[in-house]
Amino acid sequence: LLFAFKYRSNKMRLMGHTVFFGLLGFGFMMIELVLMQKYQRFIGSPIYSTMVILGGLLLFSGLGSFISRNFSRRVLIICVAIIPVMILFQTFFLDGLFIMFAKFSFTAKLFISSGLIFPLAFFMGMPFPHALEQIKKDISNEYATLMFGVNGALATIGVSLSYLLNVTYGMSTTLLLGFATYLAALVLFIIIKK
């Protein structure tokens, strides 16, 4: 509220930025936790599933962030638009692929899981740093720092809600909520990058 008062001349723009970073934190954590649980059934070990999914998401999203640093606005928006498509793929086609690859060894399943998570994680790493840079240009470094807090706070809510939704409605419903979150974030990303 103090920041909103300080930057009240930009309050509509700030609202869009704040909602965007909130959606990104919420959606990222929600999808991450569902994927850990889904891949656990395929890999057969909760520890290795966490290592592959958490490690893969961090590594591959960092790679996506690094590679996209010189992308044009148009290419960047196309890449961010791929994220909801990849979430739908994980929602509807992953179980079929798990059945197809079930005969492989444990080690092979780890590599298969990394390969399956790579495209989604790679694109998920792109919107955060680019939106943060845009905020630094449009408003201030101080406000960009606050967006880390907004992102983290909503990520915490995403973690709790993800477990609740998985138990109550199933993993597919949780992934579809993640899909809707990233779809809304895509619209805001386009507005931020104007």
Protein backbone atom coordinates (compact mmCIF):
# COMPACT_ATOMS: atom_id res chain seq x y z
CA LEU A 1 0.00 0.00 0.00
CA LEU A 2 2.87 2.35 0.76
CA PHE A 3 4.35 1.66 -2.67
CA ALA A 4 0.97 2.14 -4.32
CA PHE A 5 0.62 5.51 -2.59
CA LYS A 6 4.15 6.53 -3.58
CA TYR A 7 3.56 5.63 -7.23
CA ARG A 8 -0.13 6.59 -7.36
CA SER A 9 0.29 8.37 -10.70
CA ASN A 10 0.97 4.93 -12.23
CA LYS A 11 -1.55 2.96 -10.17
CA MET A 12 -3.36 1.24 -13.09
CA ARG A 13 -0.08 0.11 -14.58
CA LEU A 14 1.14 -1.00 -11.15
CA MET A 15 -2.00 -3.03 -10.60
CA GLY A 16 -1.38 -4.95 -13.83
CA HIS A 17 2.25 -5.59 -12.90
CA THR A 18 1.34 -6.73 -9.39
CA VAL A 19 -1.38 -9.10 -10.59
CA PHE A 20 0.99 -10.46 -13.26
CA PHE A 21 3.73 -11.33 -10.77
CA GLY A 22 1.18 -12.76 -8.37
CA LEU A 23 -0.23 -15.01 -11.10
CA LEU A 24 3.25 -16.09 -12.13
CA GLY A 25 4.23 -17.14 -8.60
CA PHE A 26 0.89 -18.81 -7.96
CA GLY A 27 0.82 -20.69 -11.28
CA PHE A 28 4.47 -21.76 -11.23
CA MET A 29 4.25 -23.38 -7.80
CA MET A 30 0.90 -24.96 -8.50
CA ILE A 31 2.18 -26.61 -11.67
CA GLU A 32 5.48 -27.61 -10.05
CA LEU A 33 3.80 -29.49 -7.22
CA VAL A 34 1.32 -31.30 -9.47
CA LEU A 35 4.12 -32.38 -11.79
CA MET A 36 6.17 -33.70 -8.86
CA GLN A 37 3.23 -35.89 -7.89
CA LYS A 38 2.46 -37.00 -11.45
CA TYR A 39 6.05 -37.89 -12.22
CA GLN A 40 6.39 -39.70 -8.89
CA ARG A 41 3.94 -42.31 -10.17
CA PHE A 42 6.07 -42.77 -13.30
CA ILE A 43 9.51 -42.72 -11.66
CA GLY A 44 8.39 -44.66 -8.59
CA SER A 45 10.28 -42.60 -6.01
CA PRO A 46 9.18 -39.34 -4.36
CA ILE A 47 12.80 -38.30 -3.75
CA TYR A 48 13.91 -38.79 -7.35
CA SER A 49 10.70 -37.24 -8.65
CA THR A 50 11.37 -34.13 -6.58
CA MET A 51 14.98 -34.02 -7.75
CA VAL A 52 14.09 -34.38 -11.43
CA ILE A 53 11.10 -32.00 -11.46
CA LEU A 54 12.39 -29.34 -9.08
CA GLY A 55 15.92 -29.52 -10.48
CA GLY A 56 14.62 -29.61 -14.05
CA LEU A 57 12.28 -26.68 -13.56
CA LEU A 58 15.03 -24.56 -12.01
CA LEU A 59 17.73 -25.53 -14.51
CA PHE A 60 15.62 -25.41 -17.67
CA SER A 61 13.71 -22.25 -16.71
CA GLY A 62 17.06 -20.57 -15.96
CA LEU A 63 18.23 -21.69 -19.39
CA GLY A 64 15.09 -20.27 -21.00
CA SER A 65 15.59 -17.00 -19.16
CA PHE A 66 19.23 -16.80 -20.29
CA ILE A 67 18.59 -17.71 -23.94
CA SER A 68 15.62 -15.33 -24.29
CA ARG A 69 17.50 -12.23 -23.08
CA ASN A 70 17.91 -10.88 -26.62
CA PHE A 71 14.56 -12.01 -28.05
CA SER A 72 12.39 -9.45 -29.76
CA ARG A 73 9.03 -8.57 -28.20
CA ARG A 74 7.16 -10.61 -30.81
CA VAL A 75 9.26 -13.76 -30.36
CA LEU A 76 9.03 -13.40 -26.59
CA ILE A 77 5.22 -13.20 -26.65
CA ILE A 78 5.06 -16.28 -28.90
CA CYS A 79 7.32 -18.16 -26.47
CA VAL A 80 5.19 -17.15 -23.47
CA ALA A 81 2.06 -18.18 -25.41
CA ILE A 82 3.53 -21.69 -25.71
CA ILE A 83 3.40 -22.15 -21.90
CA PRO A 84 -0.38 -22.76 -21.66
CA VAL A 85 -0.14 -25.18 -24.60
CA MET A 86 2.61 -27.13 -22.83
CA ILE A 87 0.52 -27.22 -19.63
CA LEU A 88 -2.37 -28.73 -21.60
CA PHE A 89 0.03 -31.30 -23.04
CA GLN A 90 1.17 -32.26 -19.52
CA THR A 91 -2.47 -32.45 -18.42
CA PHE A 92 -3.91 -34.64 -21.17
CA PHE A 93 -1.06 -36.62 -22.77
CA LEU A 94 1.37 -37.32 -19.95
CA ASP A 95 -0.38 -40.43 -18.59
CA GLY A 96 -0.41 -42.02 -22.05
CA LEU A 97 3.32 -41.37 -22.42
CA PHE A 98 3.96 -42.83 -18.97
CA ILE A 99 2.20 -46.04 -20.01
CA MET A 100 4.24 -46.17 -23.22
CA PHE A 101 7.54 -45.69 -21.35
CA ALA A 102 6.67 -47.88 -18.32
CA LYS A 103 8.84 -50.78 -19.56
CA PHE A 104 12.06 -48.75 -19.43
CA SER A 105 14.61 -48.95 -16.61
CA PHE A 106 14.64 -46.60 -13.63
CA THR A 107 17.61 -44.62 -15.01
CA ALA A 108 15.96 -44.30 -18.41
CA LYS A 109 12.79 -43.00 -16.73
CA LEU A 110 14.82 -40.24 -15.08
CA PHE A 111 16.13 -39.10 -18.47
CA ILE A 112 12.69 -39.45 -20.08
CA SER A 113 11.18 -37.34 -17.29
CA SER A 114 13.83 -34.66 -17.78
CA GLY A 115 13.11 -34.62 -21.50
CA LEU A 116 9.36 -34.35 -20.94
CA ILE A 117 9.72 -31.50 -18.45
CA PHE A 118 12.29 -29.55 -20.52
CA PRO A 119 9.99 -27.71 -23.00
CA LEU A 120 7.55 -26.50 -20.36
CA ALA A 121 10.28 -25.43 -17.91
CA PHE A 122 12.30 -23.74 -20.68
CA PHE A 123 9.41 -21.46 -21.66
CA MET A 124 8.28 -20.89 -18.06
CA GLY A 125 11.62 -19.20 -17.38
CA MET A 126 11.03 -16.40 -19.87
CA PRO A 127 8.25 -14.09 -18.61
CA PHE A 128 9.56 -13.29 -15.10
CA PRO A 129 12.91 -11.62 -15.92
CA HIS A 130 11.55 -9.75 -18.94
CA ALA A 131 8.61 -8.31 -17.02
CA LEU A 132 10.97 -7.38 -14.17
CA GLU A 133 13.24 -5.50 -16.58
CA GLN A 134 10.23 -3.72 -18.04
CA ILE A 135 9.15 -2.58 -14.56
CA LYS A 136 12.66 -1.25 -13.89
CA LYS A 137 12.42 0.82 -17.08
CA ASP A 138 8.81 1.95 -16.63
CA ILE A 139 8.69 2.63 -12.89
CA SER A 140 11.76 1.99 -10.70
CA ASN A 141 14.19 -0.61 -9.38
CA GLU A 142 12.51 -0.24 -5.99
CA TYR A 143 9.12 -1.31 -7.32
CA ALA A 144 10.70 -4.18 -9.26
CA THR A 145 12.13 -5.47 -5.97
CA LEU A 146 8.65 -5.45 -4.45
CA MET A 147 7.46 -7.71 -7.27
CA PHE A 148 9.76 -10.45 -5.92
CA GLY A 149 7.78 -10.27 -2.67
CA VAL A 150 4.44 -10.39 -4.46
CA ASN A 151 5.62 -13.37 -6.50
CA GLY A 152 6.85 -15.20 -3.41
CA ALA A 153 3.70 -14.51 -1.38
CA LEU A 154 1.40 -15.86 -4.09
CA ALA A 155 3.73 -18.81 -4.67
CA THR A 156 3.20 -19.77 -1.02
CA ILE A 157 -0.57 -19.65 -1.51
CA GLY A 158 -0.16 -21.69 -4.71
CA VAL A 159 1.67 -24.44 -2.80
CA SER A 160 -1.06 -24.77 -0.18
CA LEU A 161 -3.91 -24.56 -2.66
CA SER A 162 -2.24 -27.08 -4.97
CA TYR A 163 -2.27 -29.78 -2.30
CA LEU A 164 -5.86 -29.01 -1.38
CA LEU A 165 -7.05 -29.12 -5.01
CA ASN A 166 -5.10 -32.31 -5.77
CA VAL A 167 -6.73 -34.14 -2.89
CA THR A 168 -10.20 -32.71 -3.46
CA TYR A 169 -10.51 -32.51 -7.26
CA GLY A 170 -7.51 -34.33 -8.73
CA MET A 171 -4.31 -33.39 -10.51
CA SER A 172 -5.93 -32.56 -13.84
CA THR A 173 -8.14 -29.91 -12.25
CA THR A 174 -5.11 -28.37 -10.56
CA LEU A 175 -3.17 -28.31 -13.84
CA LEU A 176 -6.16 -26.72 -15.58
CA LEU A 177 -6.19 -23.99 -12.94
CA GLY A 178 -2.46 -23.52 -13.64
CA PHE A 179 -3.34 -23.31 -17.34
CA ALA A 180 -5.93 -20.57 -16.64
CA THR A 181 -3.41 -18.73 -14.47
CA TYR A 182 -0.78 -18.69 -17.21
CA LEU A 183 -3.38 -17.69 -19.80
CA ALA A 184 -4.29 -14.64 -17.69
CA ALA A 185 -0.58 -13.94 -17.12
CA LEU A 186 -0.02 -14.07 -20.90
CA VAL A 187 -2.60 -11.33 -21.46
CA LEU A 188 -0.96 -9.16 -18.79
CA PHE A 189 2.50 -9.90 -20.20
CA ILE A 190 1.41 -8.58 -23.60
CA ILE A 191 0.12 -5.40 -21.92
CA ILE A 192 3.33 -5.00 -19.87
CA LYS A 193 5.53 -5.42 -22.93
CA LYS A 194 3.60 -2.85 -25.00
